[in-house]
């Protein structure tokens, strides 16, 4: 069938779409065969139809680069699958991928899909204790790690010894030709010796394909499970939010250990036949990323708002990023000031979206919509998303409530539950409602406006205060480079608003500046929301994916 139609239109057999009079998507559903498997039915199908079509372009901080076509990606994933099988990995096994942004991640995960094994992407910053927890909770039997830091393999071996040496298959991606650690095999050497033919392993689209460990603000990481239909659902993410050009290059800034990479670096983009672009770096340097966008002519781009703020501060006028056709925001709420300045410099609108590891994009400023700066957009036509009170009932326009989704457990694109934890699953998904734990309000036009995590809400003297509105005001002050607003304990008010601020160059954290910032907030939002506590810091604590760790700030209050 694919030989009779264009590769970029191949996805249409798997989805049903409908559009309103303005051309905005208003209907989306999956037409997924029971046997669907992304590795065979997308990657291998494209490899057969257009083997030279670019699938992945990778570049690192040293200027090394590598481009893989769909044909090469198919053959390499076959070789990898054969190597895995010979090492004892079989259908249903849980295999961790700790590969940072190494290009080997892509054919390793595709190989696991071909075998029917469950892939567990993970960050390279895990400690020995983290590995022990994951090995025990998920029943991990295989792992592939990067040689980026020798401590990674050491931690893996130490954790395995503490859990009874149950991880039987250990690979290392040895980028620099160093000695292979004890109990590890050289990934590239092993797969090079294998056949590039692999017989299809039968899988069902309802079977588990992915498992993500995702951390909340408290407690141990949760284990989020996804099936093979999840890959197809991300067509909506890529085509109608990220506006991926099938003949272009899409770059989402993401480490492969996080679900953001599934959103922006694999499933939806490659289901459209696009080329995924990857920049392998350790430390985010705004000038470097801007030069990457310029030199490699990226056509669509997705990054957290913090990065856009740094791009603006860096000086966009010094770079030619005219190849960009579409830009979007994810990971944090968008400050309107960033939206306006990015548009002023580039002419492009930042299209914000909202989602979680537990699903695909849930709210978005979709292609064809007029975005409201600072708004997450509207519910995508895949889900019935509402803002609800504590009893699950819709709230009035302008009233803050929780973002919830009315759908059956395991609905397409949504997770199947928290692995081996029915109690946690039931607490977040009950009576046909999934509770996101995020709060927002909507306006008369149906746009959703982010307030914060349930845990981030500040309750002061009877007021419920969302941190984002205050952050949006503070970030417009020229002295503020970055900020995070949290609640701090107070014996009289219960909590007070605290602003933790990274200053722009040329400013000092004086008492006069504290008073100036407090008055600035009072003048630009309700006076009771002003930060009674202001703390200056050199940097904000962040996850590897760039999100501010507000819980860490609260602990130090």
Protein backbone atom coordinates (compact mmCIF):
# COMPACT_ATOMS: atom_id res chain seq x y z
CA UNK A 1 0.00 0.00 0.00
CA UNK A 2 2.77 2.43 0.85
CA UNK A 3 4.21 2.10 -2.64
CA UNK A 4 1.01 3.60 -4.06
CA UNK A 5 0.92 6.66 -1.82
CA UNK A 6 3.37 9.26 -0.59
CA UNK A 7 5.30 8.36 2.56
CA UNK A 8 4.09 11.53 4.27
CA UNK A 9 0.49 10.45 3.67
CA UNK A 10 0.99 6.88 4.83
CA UNK A 11 -0.25 7.75 8.32
CA UNK A 12 -3.75 8.45 7.00
CA UNK A 13 -4.65 4.75 6.94
CA UNK A 14 -4.17 4.64 10.72
CA UNK A 15 -6.20 7.71 11.74
CA UNK A 16 -9.53 9.36 11.07
CA UNK A 17 -9.46 13.15 10.86
CA UNK A 18 -12.03 15.91 10.51
CA UNK A 19 -11.72 19.68 10.18
CA UNK A 20 -13.92 22.70 10.82
CA UNK A 21 -14.66 25.45 8.31
CA UNK A 22 -11.40 27.22 9.18
CA UNK A 23 -9.32 24.09 8.60
CA UNK A 24 -8.66 23.43 12.28
CA UNK A 25 -8.69 19.78 13.37
CA UNK A 26 -11.95 18.96 15.18
CA UNK A 27 -12.02 15.15 14.92
CA UNK A 28 -9.26 12.62 15.50
CA UNK A 29 -9.36 8.88 16.21
CA UNK A 30 -7.17 5.85 15.61
CA UNK A 31 -7.77 3.12 13.07
CA UNK A 32 -5.16 0.80 14.47
CA UNK A 33 -4.84 -2.87 13.40
CA UNK A 34 -4.46 -5.30 16.30
CA UNK A 35 -1.02 -6.25 14.97
CA UNK A 36 0.25 -2.68 14.66
CA UNK A 37 3.87 -2.20 15.69
CA UNK A 38 5.63 1.12 15.03
CA UNK A 39 8.94 -0.58 14.28
CA UNK A 40 7.56 -2.75 11.48
CA UNK A 41 4.60 -0.75 10.22
CA UNK A 42 6.26 2.67 10.15
CA UNK A 43 10.07 2.35 10.15
CA UNK A 44 10.34 -0.79 8.01
CA UNK A 45 7.51 0.29 5.72
CA UNK A 46 9.19 3.63 5.04
CA UNK A 47 12.52 1.85 4.54
CA UNK A 48 10.96 -0.25 1.82
CA UNK A 49 9.24 2.67 0.11
CA UNK A 50 11.96 5.36 0.37
CA UNK A 51 15.13 3.80 1.82
CA UNK A 52 17.21 6.96 1.34
CA UNK A 53 14.72 9.26 3.04
CA UNK A 54 16.47 11.01 6.00
CA UNK A 55 15.14 9.76 9.35
CA UNK A 56 17.65 11.08 11.91
CA UNK A 57 20.34 13.75 11.88
CA UNK A 58 22.60 13.85 14.94
CA UNK A 59 25.35 16.31 15.82
CA UNK A 60 27.37 16.71 19.01
CA UNK A 61 29.20 19.62 20.66
CA UNK A 62 32.46 18.67 18.90
CA UNK A 63 30.93 18.98 15.46
CA UNK A 64 30.64 15.23 14.82
CA UNK A 65 27.50 14.40 12.93
CA UNK A 66 25.69 11.38 11.59
CA UNK A 67 22.64 11.09 9.36
CA UNK A 68 20.61 7.88 9.19
CA UNK A 69 18.06 7.17 6.48
CA UNK A 70 14.94 5.11 7.08
CA UNK A 71 16.66 2.25 5.25
CA UNK A 72 19.68 2.43 7.55
CA UNK A 73 17.52 2.77 10.65
CA UNK A 74 15.58 -0.34 9.63
CA UNK A 75 18.74 -2.39 9.00
CA UNK A 76 20.48 -1.23 12.18
CA UNK A 77 17.41 -2.00 14.29
CA UNK A 78 17.30 -5.48 12.73
CA UNK A 79 20.96 -6.06 13.62
CA UNK A 80 20.34 -4.77 17.12
CA UNK A 81 17.28 -6.99 17.55
CA UNK A 82 19.34 -10.03 16.50
CA UNK A 83 22.07 -9.11 18.99
CA UNK A 84 19.52 -8.66 21.79
CA UNK A 85 17.89 -12.01 21.07
CA UNK A 86 21.26 -13.78 21.09
CA UNK A 87 21.95 -12.18 24.48
CA UNK A 88 18.71 -13.64 25.80
CA UNK A 89 16.32 -10.68 25.53
CA UNK A 90 12.84 -11.86 24.59
CA UNK A 91 9.29 -10.62 24.23
CA UNK A 92 8.00 -9.07 27.46
CA UNK A 93 11.44 -8.48 29.01
CA UNK A 94 12.07 -5.09 30.60
CA UNK A 95 15.13 -3.34 29.19
CA UNK A 96 16.49 0.04 30.33
CA UNK A 97 17.95 2.56 27.89
CA UNK A 98 20.32 5.05 29.56
CA UNK A 99 21.67 6.67 26.43
CA UNK A 100 21.53 10.42 26.96
CA UNK A 101 21.25 11.78 23.37
CA UNK A 102 23.45 9.11 21.71
CA UNK A 103 22.12 8.28 18.23
CA UNK A 104 22.23 4.57 19.10
CA UNK A 105 19.13 5.15 21.25
CA UNK A 106 16.93 5.26 18.17
CA UNK A 107 17.78 1.88 16.71
CA UNK A 108 18.02 0.31 20.17
CA UNK A 109 14.46 1.26 21.11
CA UNK A 110 13.12 0.31 17.68
CA UNK A 111 14.83 -3.08 18.07
CA UNK A 112 13.12 -3.61 21.43
CA UNK A 113 9.77 -2.83 19.77
CA UNK A 114 10.52 -5.44 17.12
CA UNK A 115 11.24 -8.09 19.74
CA UNK A 116 8.18 -7.13 21.77
CA UNK A 117 10.35 -6.27 24.79
CA UNK A 118 9.37 -3.35 27.04
CA UNK A 119 11.65 -0.32 26.72
CA UNK A 120 12.40 1.76 29.83
CA UNK A 121 14.11 5.03 28.85
CA UNK A 122 15.96 6.62 31.77
CA UNK A 123 18.16 9.60 32.54
CA UNK A 124 21.93 9.16 32.78
CA UNK A 125 21.92 11.04 36.12
CA UNK A 126 20.50 8.13 38.13
CA UNK A 127 22.27 7.13 41.33
CA UNK A 128 22.95 3.58 42.51
CA UNK A 129 19.89 3.83 44.73
CA UNK A 130 17.79 4.88 41.73
CA UNK A 131 18.94 1.85 39.75
CA UNK A 132 18.20 -0.49 42.66
CA UNK A 133 14.65 0.86 42.87
CA UNK A 134 14.07 0.52 39.13
CA UNK A 135 15.61 -2.94 38.86
CA UNK A 136 13.43 -4.22 41.70
CA UNK A 137 10.15 -2.49 40.83
CA UNK A 138 10.16 -3.16 37.08
CA UNK A 139 12.01 -6.49 37.02
CA UNK A 140 14.71 -5.20 34.67
CA UNK A 141 16.73 -7.93 32.93
CA UNK A 142 18.68 -5.89 30.36
CA UNK A 143 20.28 -2.45 30.14
CA UNK A 144 22.12 -0.37 27.54
CA UNK A 145 24.08 2.60 28.87
CA UNK A 146 26.19 5.40 27.46
CA UNK A 147 29.92 5.61 28.18
CA UNK A 148 29.44 9.36 28.64
CA UNK A 149 30.38 8.98 32.32
CA UNK A 150 32.22 5.89 33.66
CA UNK A 151 30.24 6.20 36.91
CA UNK A 152 27.09 5.09 35.05
CA UNK A 153 28.31 1.53 34.45
CA UNK A 154 29.80 1.41 37.96
CA UNK A 155 26.45 2.36 39.48
CA UNK A 156 24.66 -0.22 37.34
CA UNK A 157 26.99 -3.03 38.47
CA UNK A 158 26.74 -1.97 42.12
CA UNK A 159 22.93 -1.84 41.93
CA UNK A 160 22.79 -5.21 40.20
CA UNK A 161 24.91 -6.79 42.92
CA UNK A 162 22.53 -5.41 45.54
CA UNK A 163 19.51 -6.90 43.77
CA UNK A 164 20.89 -10.39 43.18
CA UNK A 165 22.48 -9.86 39.75
CA UNK A 166 19.24 -10.24 37.82
CA UNK A 167 20.26 -7.93 34.96
CA UNK A 168 21.66 -10.53 32.60
CA UNK A 169 22.30 -8.36 29.52
CA UNK A 170 24.47 -5.26 29.81
CA UNK A 171 25.61 -3.16 26.88
CA UNK A 172 27.64 0.01 26.74
CA UNK A 173 27.72 2.50 23.87
CA UNK A 174 31.44 3.20 23.82
CA UNK A 175 31.84 6.51 21.98
CA UNK A 176 35.49 7.19 22.77
CA UNK A 177 37.13 3.79 22.46
CA UNK A 178 37.74 3.39 26.18
CA UNK A 179 38.06 0.05 27.92
CA UNK A 180 34.81 -1.89 28.26
CA UNK A 181 33.68 -2.04 31.91
CA UNK A 182 33.38 -5.36 33.69
CA UNK A 183 30.19 -7.32 32.87
CA UNK A 184 29.38 -5.08 29.88
CA UNK A 185 29.52 -5.82 26.15
CA UNK A 186 30.39 -3.32 23.42
CA UNK A 187 27.07 -2.39 21.82
CA UNK A 188 28.38 -1.26 18.42
CA UNK A 189 30.83 -4.13 18.02
CA UNK A 190 28.18 -6.71 18.89
CA UNK A 191 25.48 -5.46 16.54
CA UNK A 192 27.92 -5.02 13.63
CA UNK A 193 28.39 -8.80 13.59
CA UNK A 194 24.67 -9.54 13.21
CA UNK A 195 22.45 -10.12 10.20
CA UNK A 196 20.42 -7.14 8.99
CA UNK A 197 17.38 -9.39 8.48
CA UNK A 198 14.95 -10.02 11.31
CA UNK A 199 11.74 -12.04 11.17
CA UNK A 200 8.70 -10.24 12.49
CA UNK A 201 7.71 -11.13 16.04
CA UNK A 202 3.89 -11.07 16.48
CA UNK A 203 2.75 -8.34 18.89
CA UNK A 204 -0.65 -6.93 19.80
CA UNK A 205 -1.22 -3.18 19.82
CA UNK A 206 -2.68 -3.41 23.36
CA UNK A 207 0.49 -4.97 24.79
CA UNK A 208 2.97 -2.94 26.83
CA UNK A 209 5.58 -1.19 24.71
CA UNK A 210 7.02 1.47 27.04
CA UNK A 211 7.48 2.03 30.74
CA UNK A 212 8.51 5.43 32.11
CA UNK A 213 9.53 6.21 35.67
CA UNK A 214 8.14 9.65 36.41
CA UNK A 215 8.67 11.56 39.64
CA UNK A 216 6.03 13.61 41.40
CA UNK A 217 6.67 16.18 44.09
CA UNK A 218 6.57 13.53 46.81
CA UNK A 219 7.05 9.78 47.09
CA UNK A 220 8.86 7.30 44.87
CA UNK A 221 8.76 7.53 41.06
CA UNK A 222 5.64 6.15 39.40
CA UNK A 223 5.85 3.59 36.60
CA UNK A 224 3.78 4.78 33.63
CA UNK A 225 2.93 2.14 31.02
CA UNK A 226 2.08 2.68 27.33
CA UNK A 227 1.06 0.27 24.59
CA UNK A 228 1.82 0.23 20.86
CA UNK A 229 -1.18 2.46 20.04
CA UNK A 230 0.56 5.26 21.92
CA UNK A 231 3.04 5.67 19.04
CA UNK A 232 0.24 6.33 16.55
CA UNK A 233 -1.58 8.74 18.86
CA UNK A 234 1.47 11.01 18.73
CA UNK A 235 0.62 11.77 15.10
CA UNK A 236 -1.73 14.34 16.60
CA UNK A 237 1.13 15.77 18.68
CA UNK A 238 3.49 16.06 15.74
CA UNK A 239 1.19 17.07 12.90
CA UNK A 240 -1.34 19.34 14.56
CA UNK A 241 0.62 20.92 17.40
CA UNK A 242 4.28 20.82 16.36
CA UNK A 243 3.32 21.25 12.68
CA UNK A 244 6.10 18.94 11.58
CA UNK A 245 7.05 19.22 7.90
CA UNK A 246 7.47 15.69 6.46
CA UNK A 247 10.26 16.97 4.23
CA UNK A 248 11.86 19.13 6.92
CA UNK A 249 13.78 18.69 10.17
CA UNK A 250 12.11 18.72 13.55
CA UNK A 251 14.12 19.48 16.69
CA UNK A 252 12.70 18.96 20.17
CA UNK A 253 15.18 19.70 22.95
CA UNK A 254 14.94 16.53 25.02
CA UNK A 255 17.07 13.91 26.69
CA UNK A 256 16.08 10.39 25.63
CA UNK A 257 15.49 9.45 29.27
CA UNK A 258 12.27 11.48 29.42
CA UNK A 259 8.88 11.13 27.76
CA UNK A 260 9.51 14.44 25.97
CA UNK A 261 11.69 12.49 23.54
CA UNK A 262 8.76 10.21 22.69
CA UNK A 263 6.71 13.35 22.06
CA UNK A 264 9.22 15.15 19.89
CA UNK A 265 12.01 12.85 18.74
CA UNK A 266 10.46 9.62 17.55
CA UNK A 267 6.90 8.42 17.13
CA UNK A 268 4.81 11.23 15.67
CA UNK A 269 7.63 12.76 13.62
CA UNK A 270 8.71 9.49 12.02
CA UNK A 271 5.10 8.43 11.45
CA UNK A 272 4.98 11.44 9.11
CA UNK A 273 8.26 10.51 7.42
CA UNK A 274 10.08 13.55 8.79
CA UNK A 275 13.72 13.82 9.82
CA UNK A 276 14.33 14.05 13.56
CA UNK A 277 17.17 16.40 14.47
CA UNK A 278 19.25 15.80 17.62
CA UNK A 279 21.89 18.02 19.19
CA UNK A 280 23.91 16.05 21.74
CA UNK A 281 25.09 18.47 24.45
CA UNK A 282 25.77 18.46 28.18
CA UNK A 283 25.15 22.06 29.18
CA UNK A 284 22.61 24.32 27.52
CA UNK A 285 24.39 27.26 25.88
CA UNK A 286 21.91 29.57 24.12
CA UNK A 287 24.42 30.73 21.49
CA UNK A 288 25.27 27.14 20.57
CA UNK A 289 21.66 26.10 20.08
CA UNK A 290 20.89 29.21 18.02
CA UNK A 291 23.86 28.41 15.79
CA UNK A 292 22.60 24.84 15.44
CA UNK A 293 19.18 26.11 14.35
CA UNK A 294 20.91 28.38 11.85
CA UNK A 295 23.52 25.99 10.43
CA UNK A 296 21.34 22.88 10.13
CA UNK A 297 18.25 24.73 8.88
CA UNK A 298 15.78 23.28 11.35
CA UNK A 299 12.19 23.79 10.19
CA UNK A 300 10.19 23.12 13.37
CA UNK A 301 11.34 23.51 16.96
CA UNK A 302 10.04 22.72 20.43
CA UNK A 303 11.66 23.74 23.73
CA UNK A 304 10.77 24.89 27.25
CA UNK A 305 9.95 28.60 27.70
CA UNK A 306 13.12 29.08 29.73
CA UNK A 307 15.21 28.37 26.66
CA UNK A 308 13.32 30.89 24.55
CA UNK A 309 13.93 33.50 27.24
CA UNK A 310 17.67 32.81 27.04
CA UNK A 311 17.59 32.99 23.24
CA UNK A 312 16.02 36.44 23.45
CA UNK A 313 18.59 37.61 26.00
CA UNK A 314 21.38 36.21 23.79
CA UNK A 315 20.41 38.39 20.83
CA UNK A 316 18.39 36.83 18.02
CA UNK A 317 19.53 39.50 15.59
CA UNK A 318 22.96 37.82 15.44
CA UNK A 319 21.61 34.60 13.92
CA UNK A 320 19.80 33.61 10.74
CA UNK A 321 17.07 31.22 11.85
CA UNK A 322 14.79 32.00 8.93
CA UNK A 323 14.49 28.27 8.11
CA UNK A 324 12.13 27.96 11.10
CA UNK A 325 8.53 27.54 10.00
CA UNK A 326 6.90 26.70 13.33
CA UNK A 327 7.83 26.92 17.01
CA UNK A 328 6.09 25.57 20.06
CA UNK A 329 6.41 25.50 23.82
CA UNK A 330 6.28 22.59 26.24
CA UNK A 331 7.35 21.62 29.73
CA UNK A 332 6.34 24.81 31.53
CA UNK A 333 3.73 27.49 31.15
CA UNK A 334 4.55 30.32 28.74
CA UNK A 335 5.03 33.89 29.89
CA UNK A 336 3.28 36.31 27.50
CA UNK A 337 6.38 38.51 27.44
CA UNK A 338 8.37 35.69 25.83
CA UNK A 339 5.62 35.14 23.27
CA UNK A 340 5.61 38.79 22.26
CA UNK A 341 9.37 39.20 22.03
CA UNK A 342 9.85 35.99 20.02
CA UNK A 343 7.17 37.13 17.57
CA UNK A 344 8.81 40.55 17.30
CA UNK A 345 12.19 39.06 16.39
CA UNK A 346 11.14 36.10 14.22
CA UNK A 347 7.57 36.74 13.10
CA UNK A 348 6.64 33.31 14.47
CA UNK A 349 3.96 32.55 17.03
CA UNK A 350 4.88 30.30 19.94
CA UNK A 351 2.22 27.59 20.08
CA UNK A 352 1.92 26.32 23.63
CA UNK A 353 0.75 22.81 24.47
CA UNK A 354 0.10 20.81 27.61
CA UNK A 355 0.45 17.15 28.39
CA UNK A 356 2.08 14.63 30.68
CA UNK A 357 4.14 11.46 30.65
CA UNK A 358 0.78 9.72 31.12
CA UNK A 359 -0.50 10.78 27.70
CA UNK A 360 0.03 12.73 24.52
CA UNK A 361 -0.75 16.42 23.98
CA UNK A 362 -4.03 17.17 25.78
CA UNK A 363 -4.39 20.91 25.34
CA UNK A 364 -2.82 22.89 22.54
CA UNK A 365 -2.76 25.91 20.34
CA UNK A 366 -3.14 23.75 17.25
CA UNK A 367 -2.28 24.47 13.66
CA UNK A 368 -4.74 27.01 12.26
CA UNK A 369 -5.73 28.42 15.66
CA UNK A 370 -5.04 31.96 16.81
CA UNK A 371 -3.04 31.51 20.01
CA UNK A 372 -3.71 33.60 23.08
CA UNK A 373 -0.28 34.52 24.49
CA UNK A 374 0.16 32.66 27.76
CA UNK A 375 -2.71 30.24 27.19
CA UNK A 376 -2.24 26.48 26.85
CA UNK A 377 -4.85 26.53 24.10
CA UNK A 378 -7.93 24.35 23.90
CA UNK A 379 -8.62 20.62 24.33
CA UNK A 380 -7.43 18.55 21.39
CA UNK A 381 -10.31 16.69 19.65
CA UNK A 382 -9.03 13.37 20.94
CA UNK A 383 -10.09 13.96 24.56
CA UNK A 384 -12.92 15.44 26.63
CA UNK A 385 -10.87 17.79 28.82
CA UNK A 386 -12.58 19.95 31.45
CA UNK A 387 -11.68 22.01 34.51
CA UNK A 388 -13.35 20.42 37.51
CA UNK A 389 -13.92 20.98 41.21
CA UNK A 390 -13.04 18.44 43.91
CA UNK A 391 -16.14 16.40 43.03
CA UNK A 392 -15.34 16.20 39.33
CA UNK A 393 -17.96 18.73 38.27
CA UNK A 394 -17.16 21.50 35.73
CA UNK A 395 -16.38 24.87 37.30
CA UNK A 396 -17.57 28.25 36.08
CA UNK A 397 -15.64 30.32 33.54
CA UNK A 398 -12.72 32.03 35.29
CA UNK A 399 -12.80 29.70 38.30
CA UNK A 400 -9.67 27.71 39.17
CA UNK A 401 -10.02 23.93 39.20
CA UNK A 402 -8.17 20.77 38.24
CA UNK A 403 -7.59 19.76 34.63
CA UNK A 404 -9.25 16.36 34.21
CA UNK A 405 -10.01 14.10 31.26
CA UNK A 406 -13.25 12.17 30.95
CA UNK A 407 -12.25 8.90 29.32
CA UNK A 408 -11.95 5.21 30.01
CA UNK A 409 -8.78 3.88 31.55
CA UNK A 410 -6.29 3.01 28.84
CA UNK A 411 -7.95 5.21 26.21
CA UNK A 412 -5.86 5.69 23.07
CA UNK A 413 -2.78 7.79 23.77
CA UNK A 414 -3.30 7.55 27.52
CA UNK A 415 -1.32 5.32 29.83
CA UNK A 416 -2.67 1.94 30.84
CA UNK A 417 -2.00 2.51 34.52
CA UNK A 418 0.88 2.64 36.97
CA UNK A 419 2.74 -0.67 36.71
CA UNK A 420 2.16 -2.97 39.69
CA UNK A 421 0.32 -0.24 41.60
CA UNK A 422 -3.45 -0.52 41.34
CA UNK A 423 -3.97 1.71 44.36
CA UNK A 424 -2.10 4.61 42.78
CA UNK A 425 -3.82 4.02 39.45
CA UNK A 426 -7.25 4.07 41.10
CA UNK A 427 -6.46 7.27 42.97
CA UNK A 428 -5.61 9.17 39.79
CA UNK A 429 -8.07 7.51 37.41
CA UNK A 430 -11.49 6.70 38.80
CA UNK A 431 -15.13 6.83 37.70
CA UNK A 432 -14.14 7.51 34.11
CA UNK A 433 -12.04 10.57 35.04
CA UNK A 434 -8.27 10.96 34.87
CA UNK A 435 -6.91 13.54 37.32
CA UNK A 436 -3.87 15.38 35.96
CA UNK A 437 -3.04 17.12 39.25
CA UNK A 438 -2.61 20.42 37.37
CA UNK A 439 -4.85 23.42 37.95
CA UNK A 440 -6.11 26.02 35.49
CA UNK A 441 -9.08 28.18 34.57
CA UNK A 442 -10.71 28.81 31.21
CA UNK A 443 -12.00 31.99 29.64
CA UNK A 444 -15.20 32.73 27.74
CA UNK A 445 -13.57 31.68 24.45
CA UNK A 446 -12.63 28.24 25.80
CA UNK A 447 -8.89 28.83 26.18
CA UNK A 448 -7.22 27.18 29.20
CA UNK A 449 -4.87 29.19 31.41
CA UNK A 450 -2.36 27.40 33.60
CA UNK A 451 -2.26 28.11 37.35
CA UNK A 452 0.07 25.41 38.71
CA UNK A 453 0.35 21.94 40.14
CA UNK A 454 -2.05 21.17 42.97
CA UNK A 455 1.03 21.02 45.18
CA UNK A 456 2.26 24.39 43.87
CA UNK A 457 -0.85 26.36 44.84
CA UNK A 458 -0.11 28.87 47.59
CA UNK A 459 -2.79 29.19 50.27
CA UNK A 460 -2.25 32.48 52.08
CA UNK A 461 -4.77 34.16 54.43
CA UNK A 462 -7.64 32.35 52.72
CA UNK A 463 -6.47 33.19 49.18
CA UNK A 464 -5.56 30.51 46.61
CA UNK A 465 -2.62 31.94 44.67
CA UNK A 466 -1.15 30.35 41.55
CA UNK A 467 2.60 30.94 41.10
CA UNK A 468 2.57 31.37 37.35
CA UNK A 469 0.76 34.71 37.26
CA UNK A 470 3.32 36.25 39.61
CA UNK A 471 6.21 34.73 37.65
CA UNK A 472 4.75 36.18 34.44
CA UNK A 473 4.83 39.66 35.98
CA UNK A 474 8.30 39.36 37.48
CA UNK A 475 9.89 38.08 34.27
CA UNK A 476 8.94 41.32 32.52
CA UNK A 477 11.12 43.36 34.89
CA UNK A 478 14.53 44.03 33.30
CA UNK A 479 16.37 42.88 36.43
CA UNK A 480 14.87 39.38 36.32
CA UNK A 481 16.46 36.69 34.17
CA UNK A 482 14.61 33.73 35.70
CA UNK A 483 12.32 33.26 38.67
CA UNK A 484 10.28 30.70 40.55
CA UNK A 485 7.42 31.51 42.89
CA UNK A 486 6.58 29.16 45.75
CA UNK A 487 4.84 29.20 49.10
CA UNK A 488 6.84 29.58 52.30
CA UNK A 489 5.49 28.67 55.77
CA UNK A 490 4.16 31.57 57.84
CA UNK A 491 2.69 31.33 61.38
CA UNK A 492 0.05 33.98 60.72
CA UNK A 493 -0.94 33.56 57.07
CA UNK A 494 -0.28 29.84 56.74
CA UNK A 495 1.89 30.55 53.70
CA UNK A 496 3.37 33.64 52.10
CA UNK A 497 4.47 34.15 48.52
CA UNK A 498 8.21 33.72 47.99
CA UNK A 499 10.07 34.68 44.80
CA UNK A 500 13.43 33.05 44.07
CA UNK A 501 15.14 35.12 41.41
CA UNK A 502 18.15 34.87 39.10
CA UNK A 503 19.20 38.39 38.21
CA UNK A 504 20.13 39.64 34.76
CA UNK A 505 23.65 40.90 34.16
CA UNK A 506 24.36 44.27 35.72
CA UNK A 507 21.93 43.98 38.65
CA UNK A 508 22.66 43.37 42.33
CA UNK A 509 20.33 41.87 44.92
CA UNK A 510 19.90 44.90 47.14
CA UNK A 511 17.09 45.74 49.55
CA UNK A 512 16.14 48.57 47.22
CA UNK A 513 15.69 46.10 44.37
CA UNK A 514 13.57 43.83 46.61
CA UNK A 515 11.20 46.71 47.33
CA UNK A 516 11.14 47.71 43.68
CA UNK A 517 10.18 44.18 42.60
CA UNK A 518 7.49 43.93 45.26
CA UNK A 519 5.94 47.22 44.14
CA UNK A 520 6.24 46.10 40.52
CA UNK A 521 4.10 43.02 41.26
CA UNK A 522 1.58 45.06 43.27
CA UNK A 523 1.08 47.41 40.33
CA UNK A 524 0.69 44.64 37.75
CA UNK A 525 -1.53 42.11 39.55
CA UNK A 526 -3.71 41.86 42.65
CA UNK A 527 -1.73 43.41 45.54
CA UNK A 528 -2.25 40.44 47.87
CA UNK A 529 -0.19 38.31 45.47
CA UNK A 530 3.05 40.24 45.86
CA UNK A 531 6.08 38.27 47.15
CA UNK A 532 6.62 39.03 50.81
CA UNK A 533 9.87 37.07 50.60
CA UNK A 534 12.45 37.62 47.85
CA UNK A 535 15.60 35.56 47.56
CA UNK A 536 18.33 36.00 44.95
CA UNK A 537 20.27 33.01 43.65
CA UNK A 538 22.82 32.24 40.95
CA UNK A 539 20.66 29.49 39.41
CA UNK A 540 17.37 27.70 39.90
CA UNK A 541 17.30 23.96 40.60
CA UNK A 542 16.07 22.14 37.51
CA UNK A 543 15.48 18.66 36.20
CA UNK A 544 17.55 17.44 33.27
CA UNK A 545 14.58 18.29 31.04
CA UNK A 546 14.75 21.92 32.14
CA UNK A 547 11.78 22.10 34.50
CA UNK A 548 12.18 24.16 37.66
CA UNK A 549 12.21 21.96 40.77
CA UNK A 550 9.89 24.01 42.96
CA UNK A 551 9.77 21.27 45.56
CA UNK A 552 13.52 21.74 46.16
CA UNK A 553 12.96 25.47 46.65
CA UNK A 554 10.10 24.82 49.09
CA UNK A 555 12.29 22.49 51.14
CA UNK A 556 14.75 25.32 51.69
CA UNK A 557 12.11 27.86 52.72
